[in-house]
């Protein structure tokens, strides 16, 4: 059988499926890490029944979510359309907080304009994509004395705009143009899968994501249909 032309639609579908399959493992790993942390805390608080139960419930919820997120990403790989539901932006941010263990030193600022803003998204995958941007920001600032994430969600010119900024070292210019491609990472120990999956999820919402230029830190702008 002759090799497929790299520009052939079937070849591109196979590559996309492979990236999303790897991405499903990437997201499962992230969620199981949260579950593992909850189990560790459960052992620490085993003499306090109330705290112990909360930790175990969170660990269980993260395992279930890992299964659901992996299934949703694999459905994307098969070309299935995303089922979208209306959700308030504040509720999405609450979900992100459950997925991302923020260090105590992190200064987190979040604004939503208008306060009751709601839009259609996939209730599993969109918060997961946003959580990935938070995790990247936290990782980029792990060796800094002070760290910050600033997130704004607004309705602007007929679109939903989500801006996530941090005070880390920023994106190296050498990888900025290819940052969302599979296996490209601005970190020495990065997998290069997280942002590729983020882009796939955003594009499945008929949206876009880009890195904004800046003197310090990284800034990611997501645009979605309103």
Protein backbone atom coordinates (compact mmCIF):
# COMPACT_ATOMS: atom_id res chain seq x y z
CA UNK A 1 0.00 0.00 0.00
CA UNK A 2 1.57 3.35 -1.00
CA UNK A 3 2.10 5.92 1.78
CA UNK A 4 -0.56 8.59 2.15
CA UNK A 5 0.14 12.06 0.84
CA UNK A 6 0.61 14.36 3.91
CA UNK A 7 -1.94 16.71 2.33
CA UNK A 8 -4.50 13.96 1.77
CA UNK A 9 -7.68 14.47 3.86
CA UNK A 10 -7.45 10.94 5.30
CA UNK A 11 -3.86 11.55 6.41
CA UNK A 12 -4.89 14.80 8.10
CA UNK A 13 -7.79 13.04 9.85
CA UNK A 14 -5.46 10.32 11.12
CA UNK A 15 -3.01 12.92 12.45
CA UNK A 16 -5.82 14.84 14.14
CA UNK A 17 -7.20 11.63 15.69
CA UNK A 18 -3.74 10.73 16.98
CA UNK A 19 -3.24 14.15 18.54
CA UNK A 20 -6.65 14.06 20.22
CA UNK A 21 -6.08 10.50 21.41
CA UNK A 22 -2.84 11.58 23.05
CA UNK A 23 -4.65 14.64 24.34
CA UNK A 24 -7.25 12.45 26.03
CA UNK A 25 -4.43 10.77 27.95
CA UNK A 26 -2.94 14.17 28.78
CA UNK A 27 -6.21 15.46 30.24
CA UNK A 28 -6.84 12.19 32.09
CA UNK A 29 -3.42 12.51 33.71
CA UNK A 30 -4.17 16.06 34.84
CA UNK A 31 -7.48 15.07 36.40
CA UNK A 32 -6.03 12.00 38.09
CA UNK A 33 -3.34 14.26 39.58
CA UNK A 34 -6.11 16.29 41.25
CA UNK A 35 -7.70 13.05 42.49
CA UNK A 36 -4.32 11.91 43.85
CA UNK A 37 -3.90 15.20 45.74
CA UNK A 38 -7.37 14.79 47.25
CA UNK A 39 -6.50 11.27 48.40
CA UNK A 40 -3.28 12.56 49.96
CA UNK A 41 -5.24 15.22 51.84
CA UNK A 42 -7.76 12.57 52.90
CA UNK A 43 -4.96 10.63 54.57
CA UNK A 44 -3.78 13.80 56.30
CA UNK A 45 -7.30 14.56 57.59
CA UNK A 46 -8.44 11.01 58.32
CA UNK A 47 -9.26 11.93 61.94
CA UNK A 48 -11.72 14.61 60.77
CA UNK A 49 -14.75 12.83 59.30
CA UNK A 50 -16.13 15.89 57.57
CA UNK A 51 -12.90 16.88 55.82
CA UNK A 52 -12.11 13.24 55.02
CA UNK A 53 -15.47 12.82 53.27
CA UNK A 54 -15.01 16.03 51.24
CA UNK A 55 -11.58 14.91 50.03
CA UNK A 56 -12.88 11.46 49.07
CA UNK A 57 -15.87 12.94 47.25
CA UNK A 58 -13.59 15.23 45.24
CA UNK A 59 -11.25 12.35 44.36
CA UNK A 60 -14.24 10.30 43.19
CA UNK A 61 -15.60 13.23 41.17
CA UNK A 62 -12.25 13.75 39.43
CA UNK A 63 -12.01 10.06 38.44
CA UNK A 64 -15.51 10.21 36.95
CA UNK A 65 -14.67 13.49 35.20
CA UNK A 66 -11.48 11.97 33.76
CA UNK A 67 -13.56 9.21 32.17
CA UNK A 68 -16.07 11.71 30.78
CA UNK A 69 -13.47 14.14 29.43
CA UNK A 70 -11.52 11.34 27.75
CA UNK A 71 -14.72 10.11 26.15
CA UNK A 72 -15.66 13.60 24.95
CA UNK A 73 -12.21 14.19 23.42
CA UNK A 74 -12.29 10.82 21.68
CA UNK A 75 -15.70 11.73 20.28
CA UNK A 76 -14.06 14.85 18.85
CA UNK A 77 -11.42 12.63 17.24
CA UNK A 78 -14.24 10.68 15.56
CA UNK A 79 -15.63 13.90 14.13
CA UNK A 80 -18.72 14.07 16.32
CA UNK A 81 -20.16 17.58 16.86
CA UNK A 82 -19.93 19.02 20.36
CA UNK A 83 -23.21 19.19 22.29
CA UNK A 84 -23.35 22.78 23.59
CA UNK A 85 -25.35 24.16 26.50
CA UNK A 86 -25.82 27.65 27.87
CA UNK A 87 -23.76 28.33 30.98
CA UNK A 88 -22.97 31.44 32.99
CA UNK A 89 -19.36 32.56 32.85
CA UNK A 90 -19.16 32.64 36.66
CA UNK A 91 -20.20 28.96 36.76
CA UNK A 92 -17.47 28.07 34.28
CA UNK A 93 -14.89 29.80 36.47
CA UNK A 94 -16.16 27.86 39.49
CA UNK A 95 -15.61 24.61 37.56
CA UNK A 96 -12.08 25.72 36.66
CA UNK A 97 -11.33 26.35 40.34
CA UNK A 98 -12.32 22.75 41.10
CA UNK A 99 -9.90 21.49 38.44
CA UNK A 100 -6.89 23.65 39.25
CA UNK A 101 -5.15 23.52 42.64
CA UNK A 102 -3.96 27.12 42.96
CA UNK A 103 -0.94 27.78 45.22
CA UNK A 104 -1.64 30.06 48.20
CA UNK A 105 0.80 32.69 46.87
CA UNK A 106 -1.09 33.07 43.58
CA UNK A 107 -2.92 36.36 43.07
CA UNK A 108 -6.01 35.41 41.04
CA UNK A 109 -8.12 38.18 39.52
CA UNK A 110 -11.24 37.33 37.51
CA UNK A 111 -13.77 39.67 35.95
CA UNK A 112 -16.94 38.96 33.98
CA UNK A 113 -18.67 41.69 31.96
CA UNK A 114 -21.63 41.84 32.26
CA UNK A 115 -21.80 39.96 35.56
CA UNK A 116 -24.62 37.69 34.35
CA UNK A 117 -22.90 36.86 31.04
CA UNK A 118 -23.83 33.43 29.68
CA UNK A 119 -22.87 31.64 26.48
CA UNK A 120 -23.08 28.24 24.83
CA UNK A 121 -20.22 25.80 25.38
CA UNK A 122 -19.44 22.17 26.12
CA UNK A 123 -19.81 21.90 29.89
CA UNK A 124 -16.94 19.41 30.23
CA UNK A 125 -14.43 20.46 27.60
CA UNK A 126 -14.54 24.25 27.70
CA UNK A 127 -13.73 24.47 31.44
CA UNK A 128 -11.05 21.83 30.82
CA UNK A 129 -9.47 24.02 28.11
CA UNK A 130 -9.53 27.04 30.40
CA UNK A 131 -8.07 24.96 33.23
CA UNK A 132 -5.17 24.05 30.92
CA UNK A 133 -4.37 27.73 30.44
CA UNK A 134 -4.42 28.21 34.23
CA UNK A 135 -2.16 25.20 34.79
CA UNK A 136 0.32 26.50 32.20
CA UNK A 137 0.34 29.90 33.89
CA UNK A 138 0.94 28.38 37.33
CA UNK A 139 3.73 26.15 36.00
CA UNK A 140 5.41 29.08 34.24
CA UNK A 141 5.58 30.99 37.54
CA UNK A 142 6.49 28.16 39.90
CA UNK A 143 9.96 29.55 40.68
CA UNK A 144 8.79 33.13 41.22
CA UNK A 145 8.25 34.72 44.61
CA UNK A 146 5.04 36.34 43.36
CA UNK A 147 2.67 34.92 40.75
CA UNK A 148 -0.57 36.12 39.23
CA UNK A 149 -3.32 35.13 36.81
CA UNK A 150 -5.72 37.71 35.43
CA UNK A 151 -8.79 36.47 33.59
CA UNK A 152 -11.49 38.53 31.95
CA UNK A 153 -14.59 37.20 30.18
CA UNK A 154 -16.66 39.70 28.25
CA UNK A 155 -19.10 40.17 25.41
CA UNK A 156 -17.35 42.30 22.78
CA UNK A 157 -18.36 43.13 19.22
CA UNK A 158 -20.70 40.18 18.93
CA UNK A 159 -18.25 37.63 20.37
CA UNK A 160 -17.37 36.11 23.73
CA UNK A 161 -13.77 37.01 24.59
CA UNK A 162 -11.78 35.18 27.27
CA UNK A 163 -8.39 36.67 28.11
CA UNK A 164 -5.98 34.79 30.42
CA UNK A 165 -2.76 36.60 31.40
CA UNK A 166 0.09 35.78 33.78
CA UNK A 167 3.30 37.38 35.10
CA UNK A 168 5.64 34.57 34.06
CA UNK A 169 8.60 34.75 31.68
CA UNK A 170 6.34 34.75 28.61
CA UNK A 171 6.36 32.66 25.46
CA UNK A 172 9.75 32.28 23.69
CA UNK A 173 9.63 33.93 20.29
CA UNK A 174 11.15 30.78 18.78
CA UNK A 175 7.99 28.75 19.47
CA UNK A 176 5.28 31.41 19.43
CA UNK A 177 4.26 30.82 15.81
CA UNK A 178 3.94 27.04 16.32
CA UNK A 179 2.85 26.97 19.97
CA UNK A 180 -0.50 25.27 19.31
CA UNK A 181 0.97 22.54 17.15
CA UNK A 182 1.36 19.04 18.65
CA UNK A 183 4.60 18.29 20.52
CA UNK A 184 5.65 21.98 20.56
CA UNK A 185 6.22 23.40 24.04
CA UNK A 186 7.74 26.51 25.53
CA UNK A 187 8.83 24.44 28.57
CA UNK A 188 11.86 22.18 28.69
CA UNK A 189 9.80 19.38 30.30
CA UNK A 190 6.53 20.08 28.47
CA UNK A 191 4.68 17.46 26.43
CA UNK A 192 3.46 19.87 23.76
CA UNK A 193 -0.04 18.37 23.99
CA UNK A 194 -1.93 20.68 26.37
CA UNK A 195 -2.22 23.68 24.06
CA UNK A 196 -2.83 21.49 21.02
CA UNK A 197 -5.84 20.02 22.82
CA UNK A 198 -6.95 23.50 23.93
CA UNK A 199 -6.93 24.68 20.32
CA UNK A 200 -8.85 21.58 19.17
CA UNK A 201 -11.52 22.18 21.83
CA UNK A 202 -11.83 25.89 21.02
CA UNK A 203 -12.03 25.23 17.27
CA UNK A 204 -14.71 22.60 17.91
CA UNK A 205 -16.70 25.50 19.44
CA UNK A 206 -16.20 27.39 16.13
CA UNK A 207 -13.85 29.69 18.04
CA UNK A 208 -10.21 30.75 17.92
CA UNK A 209 -7.26 31.14 20.28
CA UNK A 210 -4.14 33.25 19.89
CA UNK A 211 -1.11 34.40 21.87
CA UNK A 212 -1.01 38.15 22.31
CA UNK A 213 2.32 39.98 22.20
CA UNK A 214 3.55 41.52 25.43
CA UNK A 215 6.65 42.64 27.27
CA UNK A 216 6.13 40.30 30.21
CA UNK A 217 4.12 37.19 30.86
CA UNK A 218 1.87 35.23 28.55
CA UNK A 219 -1.54 36.32 27.32
CA UNK A 220 -4.00 33.99 25.59
CA UNK A 221 -7.13 35.36 23.93
CA UNK A 222 -10.03 33.01 23.17
CA UNK A 223 -12.92 34.16 20.97
CA UNK A 224 -16.20 32.23 20.74
CA UNK A 225 -19.47 32.86 18.96
CA UNK A 226 -21.93 34.58 21.28
